[in-house]
């Protein structure tokens, strides 16, 4: 009597097990589909070094494993997107930013970076829409204002100045928006309207950008004297950026991958005193020859660990690939001098000075000629060193140091027109107009067509002073 019920229960269990098996199979197929449908697109990794390409592939592989196991979240997708965007793979990055936002629609940073990506792909309507969304999601007002800045820049690309102005107005409390508003108003002949923006920039009154935009405003007003003085002040200004770039938001990811990562690791080890370990990593990174640019520190490390001959070989390989440069010619001379090969060091340093003199190169050549007791060359290179120090001090706004160095320079090199010019500049800014006038006149006596001396001489003749 019970047999039919047992058979029914057995049939029911078999059906249930079949349903479970089908659901498991379907789940596996779905996860597999998601993983394969989001597999890495065909990426031309020839644009990056091999180590970076391997790192990017590894990041993608780890992401796909997370997807397959059901552990991927918005940050997993965002990390892959940022990695691609950092190396210029904006089309691929866009795909992963979209997926990150699907996981977390309220992630303002992911939305903002996706907008940057669309901007780079020239998909401007979508970029503007995403920037608007990022602005509405951002909790930090500066982040919202940055969105309006990039919207304004897109409108400028589209030759829509009035729409750009509206966008910058929405972010008007942000310095980059103020700068762009002022620039746009000046360019369109509305200098008076730009004045409130220029006043806002006065908190960065000594920034190079502030002086340059003040010079443009003065030129638009026809005030040649103010224009000249602001352009001059820009040479002594602070390098404070008054603008934004998309790369600024991605540069922090650059050191996470490939040759850049290895380069950072190598430098850090060397600075910790582990010179050999650091050098080995730097060698591998430099061999990639695409991302890592050799620095003089790298050669100095090679010199300390492997000796002068190895350092020279490294420098020569760099010259073969990139051409000569004064900083590496100077280090080349150092390698010869360490071995006591004074003549070869002299040749390298003279070539460096011919390309672009520096105070240290002239000082090293002074040492060579002191050994040879060549007074004429000693005097010349002492003057060269003083001139380079003086100009550097002037540009750093260290005016008293500049004055002292430039007085030595013109005493040693009385026929150097630029020496007299920069002494004139320094004297004028210090308020010594008589000395400034003498210096400008000396400069013009040597070089009658020195444009900047011709600009500034009338200012000191009329006893005008810089603002």
Protein backbone atom coordinates (compact mmCIF):
# COMPACT_ATOMS: atom_id res chain seq x y z
CA UNK A 1 0.00 0.00 0.00
CA UNK A 2 2.92 2.45 0.74
CA UNK A 3 4.86 1.68 -2.45
CA UNK A 4 3.06 4.26 -4.65
CA UNK A 5 3.74 7.03 -2.09
CA UNK A 6 7.41 6.07 -1.94
CA UNK A 7 7.62 6.15 -5.72
CA UNK A 8 5.97 9.58 -5.79
CA UNK A 9 8.42 10.94 -3.24
CA UNK A 10 11.35 9.51 -5.20
CA UNK A 11 10.06 11.13 -8.38
CA UNK A 12 9.61 14.46 -6.52
CA UNK A 13 13.17 14.35 -5.15
CA UNK A 14 14.53 13.54 -8.58
CA UNK A 15 12.67 16.55 -10.00
CA UNK A 16 13.96 18.80 -7.20
CA UNK A 17 17.52 17.62 -7.71
CA UNK A 18 17.16 18.20 -11.45
CA UNK A 19 15.94 21.75 -10.81
CA UNK A 20 18.87 22.42 -8.46
CA UNK A 21 21.32 21.01 -10.98
CA UNK A 22 19.85 23.14 -13.75
CA UNK A 23 20.05 26.26 -11.56
CA UNK A 24 23.68 25.54 -10.69
CA UNK A 25 24.50 24.96 -14.33
CA UNK A 26 22.72 28.15 -15.30
CA UNK A 27 24.56 30.12 -12.58
CA UNK A 28 27.90 28.77 -13.79
CA UNK A 29 27.06 29.62 -17.38
CA UNK A 30 25.93 33.12 -16.36
CA UNK A 31 29.09 33.81 -14.37
CA UNK A 32 31.17 32.43 -17.19
CA UNK A 33 29.29 34.59 -19.65
CA UNK A 34 29.84 37.69 -17.53
CA UNK A 35 33.52 36.92 -17.21
CA UNK A 36 34.03 36.17 -20.89
CA UNK A 37 31.79 38.99 -22.11
CA UNK A 38 33.96 41.38 -20.11
CA UNK A 39 37.22 39.75 -21.08
CA UNK A 40 40.05 42.10 -21.94
CA UNK A 41 39.50 43.75 -25.29
CA UNK A 42 42.25 43.58 -27.84
CA UNK A 43 44.64 46.21 -26.54
CA UNK A 44 47.67 47.43 -28.44
CA UNK A 45 50.17 47.20 -25.60
CA UNK A 46 53.01 48.24 -27.91
CA UNK A 47 52.31 51.76 -26.65
CA UNK A 48 53.65 50.82 -23.21
CA UNK A 49 56.66 48.89 -21.97
CA UNK A 50 56.47 45.13 -21.55
CA UNK A 51 56.41 45.24 -17.76
CA UNK A 52 53.51 47.69 -17.73
CA UNK A 53 51.64 45.55 -20.25
CA UNK A 54 52.16 42.50 -18.03
CA UNK A 55 50.92 44.41 -14.98
CA UNK A 56 47.79 45.58 -16.81
CA UNK A 57 47.07 42.03 -17.93
CA UNK A 58 47.53 40.85 -14.36
CA UNK A 59 45.07 43.45 -13.04
CA UNK A 60 42.53 42.28 -15.62
CA UNK A 61 43.08 38.63 -14.77
CA UNK A 62 42.52 39.33 -11.07
CA UNK A 63 39.36 41.24 -11.89
CA UNK A 64 37.98 38.36 -13.96
CA UNK A 65 38.72 35.92 -11.13
CA UNK A 66 36.78 38.19 -8.78
CA UNK A 67 33.89 38.29 -11.24
CA UNK A 68 33.87 34.50 -11.59
CA UNK A 69 33.81 34.05 -7.80
CA UNK A 70 31.13 36.71 -7.34
CA UNK A 71 33.42 38.94 -5.26
CA UNK A 72 33.90 41.82 -7.69
CA UNK A 73 32.60 45.19 -6.49
CA UNK A 74 32.64 48.75 -7.83
CA UNK A 75 36.20 49.32 -6.62
CA UNK A 76 37.42 46.25 -8.53
CA UNK A 77 36.04 47.66 -11.78
CA UNK A 78 37.26 51.16 -10.95
CA UNK A 79 40.85 49.97 -10.39
CA UNK A 80 40.90 48.39 -13.86
CA UNK A 81 39.38 51.50 -15.43
CA UNK A 82 41.90 53.81 -13.75
CA UNK A 83 44.78 51.60 -14.87
CA UNK A 84 43.68 51.72 -18.51
CA UNK A 85 42.97 55.47 -18.41
CA UNK A 86 46.37 56.21 -16.85
CA UNK A 87 48.10 54.76 -19.91
CA UNK A 88 45.79 56.37 -22.46
CA UNK A 89 43.52 53.43 -23.20
CA UNK A 90 40.42 55.58 -22.86
CA UNK A 91 38.06 53.44 -24.91
CA UNK A 92 38.81 50.39 -22.81
CA UNK A 93 38.73 52.42 -19.60
CA UNK A 94 35.27 53.74 -20.48
CA UNK A 95 33.93 50.21 -20.55
CA UNK A 96 35.08 49.54 -17.00
CA UNK A 97 34.02 52.92 -15.60
CA UNK A 98 30.53 52.12 -16.86
CA UNK A 99 30.62 48.78 -15.01
CA UNK A 100 31.90 50.40 -11.80
CA UNK A 101 29.01 52.86 -11.87
CA UNK A 102 26.51 50.08 -12.49
CA UNK A 103 27.75 48.57 -9.22
CA UNK A 104 27.66 51.90 -7.36
CA UNK A 105 25.61 54.63 -9.11
CA UNK A 106 26.51 57.13 -6.38
CA UNK A 107 30.28 56.95 -6.83
CA UNK A 108 31.10 60.55 -7.81
CA UNK A 109 34.81 59.83 -8.41
CA UNK A 110 34.09 57.03 -10.86
CA UNK A 111 31.52 59.21 -12.64
CA UNK A 112 34.00 62.09 -12.83
CA UNK A 113 36.79 59.93 -14.23
CA UNK A 114 34.42 58.40 -16.76
CA UNK A 115 33.55 61.94 -17.83
CA UNK A 116 37.28 62.71 -18.29
CA UNK A 117 37.49 59.59 -20.41
CA UNK A 118 34.56 60.65 -22.62
CA UNK A 119 36.19 64.05 -23.00
CA UNK A 120 39.39 62.43 -24.25
CA UNK A 121 37.36 60.37 -26.71
CA UNK A 122 35.75 63.60 -28.00
CA UNK A 123 32.31 62.32 -26.99
CA UNK A 124 31.47 65.74 -25.66
CA UNK A 125 27.68 65.54 -25.03
CA UNK A 126 28.17 62.37 -22.98
CA UNK A 127 31.12 63.93 -21.14
CA UNK A 128 29.07 67.00 -20.22
CA UNK A 129 26.21 64.82 -18.99
CA UNK A 130 28.57 62.78 -16.84
CA UNK A 131 30.29 65.88 -15.43
CA UNK A 132 26.86 67.27 -14.51
CA UNK A 133 26.02 64.01 -12.76
CA UNK A 134 29.38 63.92 -10.95
CA UNK A 135 28.82 67.50 -9.79
CA UNK A 136 25.45 66.57 -8.31
CA UNK A 137 26.93 63.54 -6.52
CA UNK A 138 30.08 65.21 -5.13
CA UNK A 139 30.08 66.09 -1.46
CA UNK A 140 33.08 68.39 -1.71
CA UNK A 141 32.21 71.76 -3.33
CA UNK A 142 35.65 71.90 -5.00
CA UNK A 143 34.92 68.59 -6.72
CA UNK A 144 31.65 69.98 -8.08
CA UNK A 145 33.41 73.14 -9.23
CA UNK A 146 36.06 71.07 -11.02
CA UNK A 147 33.26 69.43 -13.00
CA UNK A 148 32.03 72.83 -14.19
CA UNK A 149 35.61 73.75 -15.10
CA UNK A 150 35.87 70.78 -17.46
CA UNK A 151 32.41 71.47 -18.88
CA UNK A 152 33.57 75.00 -19.65
CA UNK A 153 36.71 73.69 -21.35
CA UNK A 154 34.60 71.39 -23.52
CA UNK A 155 32.48 74.34 -24.64
CA UNK A 156 35.67 76.19 -25.54
CA UNK A 157 36.73 73.24 -27.71
CA UNK A 158 33.34 73.46 -29.39
CA UNK A 159 33.84 77.22 -29.94
CA UNK A 160 30.95 78.09 -27.64
CA UNK A 161 32.46 80.86 -25.50
CA UNK A 162 29.19 82.02 -23.94
CA UNK A 163 28.28 78.49 -22.86
CA UNK A 164 31.81 78.11 -21.48
CA UNK A 165 31.39 81.31 -19.52
CA UNK A 166 28.14 80.00 -18.00
CA UNK A 167 29.88 76.80 -16.93
CA UNK A 168 32.80 78.67 -15.36
CA UNK A 169 30.28 80.91 -13.57
CA UNK A 170 28.80 77.84 -11.89
CA UNK A 171 32.22 77.02 -10.47
CA UNK A 172 33.22 80.63 -9.84
CA UNK A 173 34.49 80.02 -6.30
CA UNK A 174 37.20 77.72 -7.69
CA UNK A 175 40.47 79.41 -8.73
CA UNK A 176 40.79 77.56 -12.08
CA UNK A 177 37.26 78.71 -13.02
CA UNK A 178 38.10 82.28 -12.02
CA UNK A 179 41.26 82.14 -14.13
CA UNK A 180 39.41 80.82 -17.18
CA UNK A 181 36.59 83.35 -16.78
CA UNK A 182 39.08 86.22 -16.61
CA UNK A 183 41.00 84.90 -19.60
CA UNK A 184 37.83 84.45 -21.65
CA UNK A 185 36.46 87.90 -20.79
CA UNK A 186 39.79 89.55 -21.69
CA UNK A 187 40.00 87.68 -24.98
CA UNK A 188 36.48 88.80 -25.90
CA UNK A 189 37.19 92.45 -25.10
CA UNK A 190 35.37 92.64 -21.75
CA UNK A 191 38.31 93.67 -19.60
CA UNK A 192 36.23 95.61 -17.09
CA UNK A 193 34.05 92.55 -16.46
CA UNK A 194 37.19 90.49 -15.85
CA UNK A 195 38.42 92.72 -13.04
CA UNK A 196 36.48 90.95 -10.21
CA UNK A 197 38.05 87.66 -11.32
CA UNK A 198 41.49 89.26 -11.41
CA UNK A 199 40.93 90.55 -7.90
CA UNK A 200 40.03 87.02 -6.77
CA UNK A 201 43.34 85.76 -8.16
CA UNK A 202 45.28 88.21 -5.99
CA UNK A 203 45.52 85.55 -3.27
CA UNK A 204 48.06 84.05 -5.69
CA UNK A 205 49.47 87.43 -6.66
CA UNK A 206 52.97 86.15 -7.35
CA UNK A 207 51.90 83.13 -9.41
CA UNK A 208 53.28 83.12 -12.96
CA UNK A 209 49.75 82.70 -14.34
CA UNK A 210 48.43 85.68 -12.38
CA UNK A 211 51.14 87.97 -13.73
CA UNK A 212 50.62 86.74 -17.30
CA UNK A 213 46.87 87.27 -17.23
CA UNK A 214 47.40 90.70 -15.64
CA UNK A 215 49.78 91.46 -18.52
CA UNK A 216 47.12 90.44 -21.06
CA UNK A 217 44.56 92.67 -19.32
CA UNK A 218 47.02 95.59 -19.34
CA UNK A 219 47.72 95.06 -23.03
CA UNK A 220 43.97 95.03 -23.77
CA UNK A 221 43.66 98.35 -21.91
CA UNK A 222 46.61 99.77 -23.85
CA UNK A 223 48.77 100.06 -20.73
CA UNK A 224 52.13 99.03 -22.16
CA UNK A 225 54.07 99.85 -19.01
CA UNK A 226 51.92 97.62 -16.77
CA UNK A 227 52.07 94.86 -19.38
CA UNK A 228 55.89 95.03 -19.45
CA UNK A 229 56.18 94.99 -15.65
CA UNK A 230 53.80 92.05 -15.21
CA UNK A 231 55.57 90.04 -17.91
CA UNK A 232 58.84 90.73 -16.11
CA UNK A 233 57.35 89.75 -12.73
CA UNK A 234 56.17 86.48 -14.27
CA UNK A 235 59.83 85.51 -14.76
CA UNK A 236 60.25 85.77 -10.99
CA UNK A 237 56.85 84.26 -10.21
CA UNK A 238 55.89 81.13 -8.32
CA UNK A 239 54.99 78.01 -10.28
CA UNK A 240 51.47 77.68 -8.89
CA UNK A 241 49.14 76.03 -11.43
CA UNK A 242 45.90 77.96 -11.93
CA UNK A 243 44.43 75.31 -14.21
CA UNK A 244 43.35 71.67 -14.12
CA UNK A 245 44.26 68.73 -16.38
CA UNK A 246 42.79 65.26 -16.61
CA UNK A 247 46.26 63.78 -16.16
CA UNK A 248 46.47 65.44 -12.77
CA UNK A 249 43.71 63.15 -11.52
CA UNK A 250 45.36 60.00 -12.85
CA UNK A 251 49.07 60.58 -12.19
CA UNK A 252 48.87 58.95 -8.75
CA UNK A 253 48.12 55.62 -10.45
CA UNK A 254 51.12 55.83 -12.78
CA UNK A 255 53.61 54.59 -10.21
CA UNK A 256 51.52 51.47 -9.50
CA UNK A 257 52.38 49.67 -12.72
CA UNK A 258 55.24 48.50 -14.87
CA UNK A 259 58.52 50.27 -15.37
CA UNK A 260 57.31 53.31 -13.46
CA UNK A 261 56.55 51.12 -10.45
CA UNK A 262 59.96 49.48 -10.71
CA UNK A 263 61.67 52.85 -11.09
CA UNK A 264 60.00 54.14 -7.95
CA UNK A 265 60.96 50.99 -6.05
CA UNK A 266 64.56 51.24 -7.25
CA UNK A 267 64.96 54.88 -6.24
CA UNK A 268 63.40 54.23 -2.84
CA UNK A 269 65.75 51.32 -2.15
CA UNK A 270 68.77 53.37 -3.22
CA UNK A 271 67.76 56.24 -0.98
CA UNK A 272 67.42 53.79 1.91
CA UNK A 273 71.06 52.82 1.42
CA UNK A 274 70.35 49.60 -0.50
CA UNK A 275 72.18 50.84 -3.55
CA UNK A 276 72.90 47.50 -5.26
CA UNK A 277 69.33 46.25 -4.88
CA UNK A 278 67.94 49.54 -6.10
CA UNK A 279 70.32 49.64 -9.05
CA UNK A 280 69.32 46.13 -10.17
CA UNK A 281 65.66 47.15 -10.26
CA UNK A 282 66.48 50.40 -12.04
CA UNK A 283 68.45 48.50 -14.69
CA UNK A 284 65.43 46.34 -15.46
CA UNK A 285 63.13 49.35 -15.55
CA UNK A 286 65.46 51.36 -17.77
CA UNK A 287 65.88 48.49 -20.22
CA UNK A 288 62.20 48.90 -21.05
CA UNK A 289 63.19 52.30 -22.56
CA UNK A 290 59.68 53.60 -22.91
CA UNK A 291 58.31 54.88 -19.64
CA UNK A 292 61.38 55.49 -17.53
CA UNK A 293 63.47 58.54 -18.35
CA UNK A 294 67.00 58.26 -17.05
CA UNK A 295 67.85 60.76 -14.35
CA UNK A 296 71.33 61.99 -13.38
CA UNK A 297 70.79 60.30 -10.01
CA UNK A 298 70.58 56.96 -11.81
CA UNK A 299 74.01 57.51 -13.37
CA UNK A 300 75.46 58.72 -10.07
CA UNK A 301 74.21 55.49 -8.50
CA UNK A 302 75.81 53.45 -11.27
CA UNK A 303 79.01 55.41 -10.71
CA UNK A 304 78.96 54.67 -6.97
CA UNK A 305 78.13 50.96 -7.31
CA UNK A 306 79.72 49.82 -10.58
CA UNK A 307 82.36 52.49 -11.21
CA UNK A 308 83.17 55.11 -13.86
CA UNK A 309 83.40 52.79 -16.88
CA UNK A 310 79.93 51.34 -16.30
CA UNK A 311 78.48 54.82 -15.77
CA UNK A 312 80.03 56.04 -19.03
CA UNK A 313 78.60 53.09 -20.92
CA UNK A 314 75.16 53.90 -19.53
CA UNK A 315 75.48 57.56 -20.54
CA UNK A 316 76.69 56.66 -24.03
CA UNK A 317 73.75 54.28 -24.51
CA UNK A 318 71.44 57.11 -23.50
CA UNK A 319 73.14 59.50 -25.95
CA UNK A 320 72.72 56.94 -28.75
CA UNK A 321 68.99 56.80 -28.04
CA UNK A 322 68.14 60.36 -27.05
CA UNK A 323 71.06 62.62 -28.00
CA UNK A 324 73.42 64.61 -25.82
CA UNK A 325 72.19 66.78 -22.97
CA UNK A 326 74.13 69.15 -20.68
CA UNK A 327 73.16 67.35 -17.46
CA UNK A 328 74.52 64.00 -18.66
CA UNK A 329 77.58 65.55 -20.28
CA UNK A 330 78.35 67.03 -16.88
CA UNK A 331 78.05 63.59 -15.26
CA UNK A 332 80.18 62.14 -18.07
CA UNK A 333 82.89 64.62 -17.13
CA UNK A 334 82.53 63.54 -13.50
CA UNK A 335 83.25 59.92 -14.44
CA UNK A 336 86.47 60.94 -16.19
CA UNK A 337 87.54 63.19 -13.34
CA UNK A 338 87.03 60.36 -10.84
CA UNK A 339 89.66 58.41 -12.80
CA UNK A 340 91.97 61.42 -13.05
CA UNK A 341 91.37 61.84 -16.80
CA UNK A 342 91.29 65.63 -16.63
CA UNK A 343 91.46 66.30 -20.38
CA UNK A 344 88.45 64.07 -21.15
CA UNK A 345 86.54 65.65 -18.28
CA UNK A 346 87.34 69.09 -19.66
CA UNK A 347 86.07 68.14 -23.12
CA UNK A 348 82.78 66.80 -21.72
CA UNK A 349 82.19 69.84 -19.52
CA UNK A 350 82.99 72.26 -22.35
CA UNK A 351 80.42 70.50 -24.54
CA UNK A 352 77.91 70.74 -21.70
CA UNK A 353 78.61 74.46 -21.23
CA UNK A 354 78.18 75.05 -24.96
CA UNK A 355 74.73 73.41 -24.92
CA UNK A 356 73.57 75.13 -21.73
CA UNK A 357 75.85 76.41 -19.03
CA UNK A 358 75.14 75.91 -15.36
CA UNK A 359 76.92 77.24 -12.32
CA UNK A 360 78.25 73.80 -11.40
CA UNK A 361 79.68 73.16 -14.89
CA UNK A 362 81.48 76.51 -14.89
CA UNK A 363 82.79 75.87 -11.38
CA UNK A 364 84.21 72.50 -12.44
CA UNK A 365 85.89 74.09 -15.44
CA UNK A 366 87.27 76.80 -13.18
CA UNK A 367 88.88 74.04 -11.12
CA UNK A 368 90.44 72.51 -14.23
CA UNK A 369 91.96 75.83 -15.32
CA UNK A 370 93.19 76.63 -11.83
CA UNK A 371 95.29 73.47 -12.07
CA UNK A 372 96.58 74.74 -15.44
CA UNK A 373 97.03 78.29 -14.06
CA UNK A 374 95.20 79.70 -17.09
CA UNK A 375 94.04 83.06 -15.70
CA UNK A 376 91.98 84.08 -18.72
CA UNK A 377 89.90 80.89 -18.66
CA UNK A 378 89.60 81.03 -14.87
CA UNK A 379 88.18 84.52 -15.15
CA UNK A 380 85.79 83.49 -17.93
CA UNK A 381 84.32 80.52 -16.09
CA UNK A 382 84.16 82.33 -12.76
CA UNK A 383 82.10 84.93 -14.60
CA UNK A 384 79.96 82.21 -16.16
CA UNK A 385 79.29 80.60 -12.79
CA UNK A 386 78.40 83.98 -11.24
CA UNK A 387 76.08 84.80 -14.15
CA UNK A 388 74.20 81.48 -13.89
CA UNK A 389 73.85 81.87 -10.11
CA UNK A 390 72.65 85.43 -10.52
CA UNK A 391 69.99 84.63 -13.11
CA UNK A 392 68.78 81.65 -11.06
CA UNK A 393 68.57 83.84 -7.95
CA UNK A 394 66.73 86.57 -9.88
CA UNK A 395 64.16 84.06 -11.13
CA UNK A 396 63.78 82.73 -7.59
CA UNK A 397 63.18 86.34 -6.46
CA UNK A 398 66.29 86.21 -4.23
CA UNK A 399 67.27 89.67 -5.36
CA UNK A 400 70.19 90.50 -3.09
CA UNK A 401 71.94 87.23 -3.97
CA UNK A 402 71.21 87.96 -7.62
CA UNK A 403 72.71 91.45 -7.37
CA UNK A 404 75.92 90.25 -5.72
CA UNK A 405 76.40 87.43 -8.24
CA UNK A 406 75.64 89.59 -11.27
CA UNK A 407 78.06 92.32 -10.12
CA UNK A 408 80.77 89.64 -10.13
CA UNK A 409 79.57 88.37 -13.51
CA UNK A 410 79.82 91.74 -15.27
CA UNK A 411 83.18 92.42 -13.65
CA UNK A 412 84.53 89.09 -14.99
CA UNK A 413 82.60 89.21 -18.29
CA UNK A 414 82.15 92.90 -19.17
CA UNK A 415 81.13 92.10 -22.76
CA UNK A 416 78.25 89.78 -21.82
CA UNK A 417 75.09 91.75 -22.72
CA UNK A 418 72.73 89.51 -20.79
CA UNK A 419 74.83 89.90 -17.64
CA UNK A 420 74.25 93.68 -17.76
CA UNK A 421 70.59 93.18 -18.63
CA UNK A 422 69.88 90.99 -15.60
CA UNK A 423 71.87 93.33 -13.38
CA UNK A 424 69.60 96.09 -14.68
CA UNK A 425 66.51 94.02 -13.93
CA UNK A 426 67.69 93.21 -10.41
CA UNK A 427 68.68 96.80 -9.67
CA UNK A 428 65.37 98.12 -10.96
CA UNK A 429 63.29 95.76 -8.81
CA UNK A 430 65.46 96.65 -5.79
CA UNK A 431 64.71 100.31 -6.48
CA UNK A 432 68.20 101.39 -7.55
CA UNK A 433 67.11 103.10 -10.76
CA UNK A 434 70.45 104.80 -11.38
CA UNK A 435 72.31 101.48 -11.39
CA UNK A 436 69.53 99.91 -13.46
CA UNK A 437 69.84 102.63 -16.09
CA UNK A 438 73.62 102.22 -16.26
CA UNK A 439 73.26 98.45 -16.66
CA UNK A 440 70.63 98.70 -19.42
CA UNK A 441 72.77 101.24 -21.27
CA UNK A 442 75.83 98.96 -21.01
CA UNK A 443 73.73 96.07 -22.34
CA UNK A 444 72.53 98.14 -25.30
CA UNK A 445 76.03 99.39 -26.03
CA UNK A 446 77.07 95.76 -26.51
CA UNK A 447 73.83 94.67 -28.21
CA UNK A 448 71.79 97.60 -29.58
CA UNK A 449 68.99 95.22 -30.60
CA UNK A 450 68.47 93.68 -27.16
CA UNK A 451 64.68 93.84 -27.12
CA UNK A 452 64.01 93.60 -23.41
CA UNK A 453 66.68 96.15 -22.49
CA UNK A 454 65.06 98.52 -24.99
CA UNK A 455 61.73 97.88 -23.24
CA UNK A 456 62.93 98.56 -19.72
CA UNK A 457 65.35 101.46 -20.22
CA UNK A 458 62.55 104.03 -20.83
CA UNK A 459 60.86 102.87 -17.59
CA UNK A 460 63.85 103.71 -15.45
CA UNK A 461 64.60 106.88 -17.38
CA UNK A 462 61.12 108.15 -16.51
CA UNK A 463 61.67 106.99 -12.89
CA UNK A 464 58.74 104.51 -12.99
CA UNK A 465 58.70 101.71 -10.43
CA UNK A 466 57.20 98.19 -10.59
CA UNK A 467 53.84 97.60 -9.05
